[in-house]
Amino acid sequence: MAQKKDPLYLTWMGTAGVLIEDDHDGILIDPYISRPGLLSVVLGLSLKPDRDAIEKWLTRPGTKNIRAVLVSHSHFDHCLDAPFFALKTNALFIGSKSALNAARGVPLDESGLKEAGIGRDIKIGAFTLRFIESAHGPAFLGRVPYAGTIDRPLTGRHSARDYKLGQTYSILITHASGTILHHGSAGFINGMYDGITSDIVLLGIGGRGHTQTYLENVPLKLNAKIVIPIHFDNFFVSLDRKMKNLPGVNFQEFLTTAGKYGNRFQLKIISVGEKSACHTWL
């Protein structure tokens, strides 16, 4: 008889945001639900986290056990809301020097901040976290937007351009029931996954380059069993409205190309806000 696996759940929040939890502890990665409109971003207007929406989201079952908030890079669609989630849950905030400076502007207390160290394991309850150096995808006209670092605390309100990229990470989450790799931005470094495997890959696909090359260097390299596309929704549209794909994401092409590897991995499409029992997939 197969041994019963410990519960392990996954909820996609939209964009690259996910909640990964068991029955005792939860981890948030890149939580982003404020979603200011495209015009505000293009015009360089100050962006304001929607605190009411954050508090409402935190009334969901399971969110009382969030122990850590992780940031894969410090662009606004990954880092604008994350410090406020950490503040409201009293969770440890983990990210790059740039992400920590965004959090200091909230402000978060220094005791609640931890700089991500590449290749260094971090234990959170039954989870082991490892940050892996990665690269941002060529999201806008073949270029990475808002390059650079955040070198001082972001006090007050700031425009999207002030949420500079900083260091980019992928994050490997290990649990007794399986491994999950959060690859939130659609770039990669050759060889970054040498010697690494993951059961589930959360694969950011917005702003990717050549799809087959991307698949070969991320989920296929990781020998993934399950591939879940994320970061393809239009994050300039409120979560209260019907989800639309990000313009130019070419989602159907991704599905067609990824579908050719059905003998290697299962492609799963999950809905925003849906809690999935991912231990049952493995």
Foldseek 3Di string as FASTA:
>chain_A
DDDDFFWWKWFFQAALWIWIDGPAAIEIFQHAFQQAAPVCQVVFHWDDRPLVVLVVVCVDPPNLRYAEYEFQWQQCSRQVCRLVSCVVNVHAYEEAPQSQLQCCQVDDDPVRYDYADAQDWDDDPQKIKHWFFFDAALQPPRHDALADGQDHRPHDTGHRNNRHTGTGTWMWIDGRLFIEIRPNHQGGDAPRQVPAAGQEYAHEQHRHDDLVVSCVRPHVSRLYAEYEYHNQWCSNDHPVDDIDGHPPSPVVVNCVSVVVVVVRYHYDYDDHRDMDRCSVVD
